[in-house]
Amino acid sequence: MSDSTPTADAPDPRFAAFVYFQAQNGGLFLGKIPNPATGEPSVNLRAAQSVVDSLEMLADKTTGNLNSSEEKLLTLAVDNLRRLLDEVAATEENSQEA
């Protein structure tokens, strides 16, 4: 058995990479990661909401089919992005009212 063989409870590397990629996109759209093209953070709430919606749909559709590590990874990504989305949306709303 090679060192790269995942254990029974380790997340599938493809699944983990997908969730990390989506979470990274969410961070980018929420202005938490600088835009690679400009080096500046920018906010796109619509795109961020789409990422959160997609991950929530993935969580719903995979219920009962993930091992505990995969479930924890996906839940953490959804919860963190949802919290950040709510925070950034509130900040954007307040700045537009001022």
Protein backbone atom coordinates (compact mmCIF):
# COMPACT_ATOMS: atom_id res chain seq x y z
CA MET A 1 0.00 0.00 0.00
CA SER A 2 1.46 3.38 -0.99
CA ASP A 3 1.64 6.46 1.20
CA SER A 4 -0.79 8.27 -1.12
CA THR A 5 -3.63 5.79 -0.52
CA PRO A 6 -6.30 7.57 1.52
CA THR A 7 -7.47 6.01 4.75
CA ALA A 8 -11.10 5.02 5.07
CA ASP A 9 -11.97 8.26 6.87
CA ALA A 10 -9.75 10.61 4.87
CA PRO A 11 -11.56 12.77 2.35
CA ASP A 12 -11.28 11.73 -1.28
CA PRO A 13 -8.53 14.06 -2.59
CA ARG A 14 -10.70 15.05 -5.56
CA PHE A 15 -13.61 15.91 -3.29
CA ALA A 16 -11.37 17.91 -0.94
CA ALA A 17 -9.77 19.79 -3.86
CA PHE A 18 -13.21 20.65 -5.24
CA VAL A 19 -14.49 21.95 -1.90
CA TYR A 20 -11.27 23.94 -1.30
CA PHE A 21 -11.51 25.42 -4.80
CA GLN A 22 -15.12 26.49 -4.26
CA ALA A 23 -14.30 27.94 -0.84
CA GLN A 24 -11.39 29.84 -2.37
CA ASN A 25 -13.71 31.24 -5.05
CA GLY A 26 -16.13 32.27 -2.34
CA GLY A 27 -13.33 34.07 -0.51
CA LEU A 28 -12.34 35.80 -3.74
CA PHE A 29 -15.90 36.95 -4.45
CA LEU A 30 -16.28 38.17 -0.86
CA GLY A 31 -13.14 40.31 -1.10
CA LYS A 32 -11.19 38.15 1.36
CA ILE A 33 -8.67 37.05 -1.30
CA PRO A 34 -7.22 39.63 -3.69
CA ASN A 35 -8.22 39.33 -7.32
CA PRO A 36 -5.23 37.68 -9.07
CA ALA A 37 -5.64 39.95 -12.11
CA THR A 38 -5.61 43.23 -10.18
CA GLY A 39 -4.10 42.35 -6.82
CA GLU A 40 -7.00 44.21 -5.21
CA PRO A 41 -9.90 42.73 -3.29
CA SER A 42 -13.36 43.17 -4.81
CA VAL A 43 -16.81 42.06 -3.75
CA ASN A 44 -19.31 40.25 -5.95
CA LEU A 45 -22.17 39.20 -3.67
CA ARG A 46 -24.10 37.52 -6.46
CA ALA A 47 -21.17 35.25 -7.37
CA ALA A 48 -20.46 34.55 -3.69
CA GLN A 49 -24.12 33.61 -3.14
CA SER A 50 -23.89 31.25 -6.11
CA VAL A 51 -20.87 29.49 -4.57
CA VAL A 52 -22.65 29.11 -1.22
CA ASP A 53 -25.80 27.86 -2.94
CA SER A 54 -23.77 25.31 -4.92
CA LEU A 55 -22.01 23.98 -1.83
CA GLU A 56 -25.31 23.80 0.08
CA MET A 57 -26.83 21.86 -2.83
CA LEU A 58 -23.82 19.52 -2.82
CA ALA A 59 -24.28 18.96 0.92
CA ASP A 60 -27.98 18.17 0.42
CA LYS A 61 -27.38 15.83 -2.51
CA THR A 62 -24.56 13.92 -0.82
CA THR A 63 -26.28 13.36 2.53
CA GLY A 64 -25.42 9.86 3.71
CA ASN A 65 -22.78 9.37 1.01
CA LEU A 66 -19.80 11.15 2.58
CA ASN A 67 -17.40 9.83 5.16
CA SER A 68 -17.03 11.85 8.35
CA SER A 69 -13.98 13.81 7.10
CA GLU A 70 -15.72 14.80 3.87
CA GLU A 71 -18.86 15.79 5.71
CA LYS A 72 -16.88 17.89 8.19
CA LEU A 73 -14.93 19.59 5.38
CA LEU A 74 -18.07 20.46 3.44
CA THR A 75 -19.97 21.62 6.52
CA LEU A 76 -17.08 23.83 7.59
CA ALA A 77 -16.80 25.37 4.12
CA VAL A 78 -20.53 26.08 3.90
CA ASP A 79 -20.77 27.48 7.44
CA ASN A 80 -17.72 29.74 7.05
CA LEU A 81 -18.78 31.06 3.65
CA ARG A 82 -22.36 31.62 4.82
CA ARG A 83 -21.10 33.61 7.84
CA LEU A 84 -18.72 35.67 5.69
CA LEU A 85 -21.43 36.28 3.08
CA ASP A 86 -23.79 37.58 5.76
CA GLU A 87 -21.07 39.84 7.20
CA VAL A 88 -19.99 41.26 3.84
CA ALA A 89 -23.59 41.74 2.68
CA ALA A 90 -24.39 43.68 5.87
CA THR A 91 -21.26 45.82 5.44
CA GLU A 92 -22.10 46.51 1.79
CA GLU A 93 -25.67 47.41 2.72
CA ASN A 94 -24.48 49.80 5.47
CA SER A 95 -21.97 51.48 3.14
CA GLN A 96 -24.68 52.06 0.51
CA GLU A 97 -26.98 53.66 3.10
CA ALA A 98 -24.30 56.09 4.28
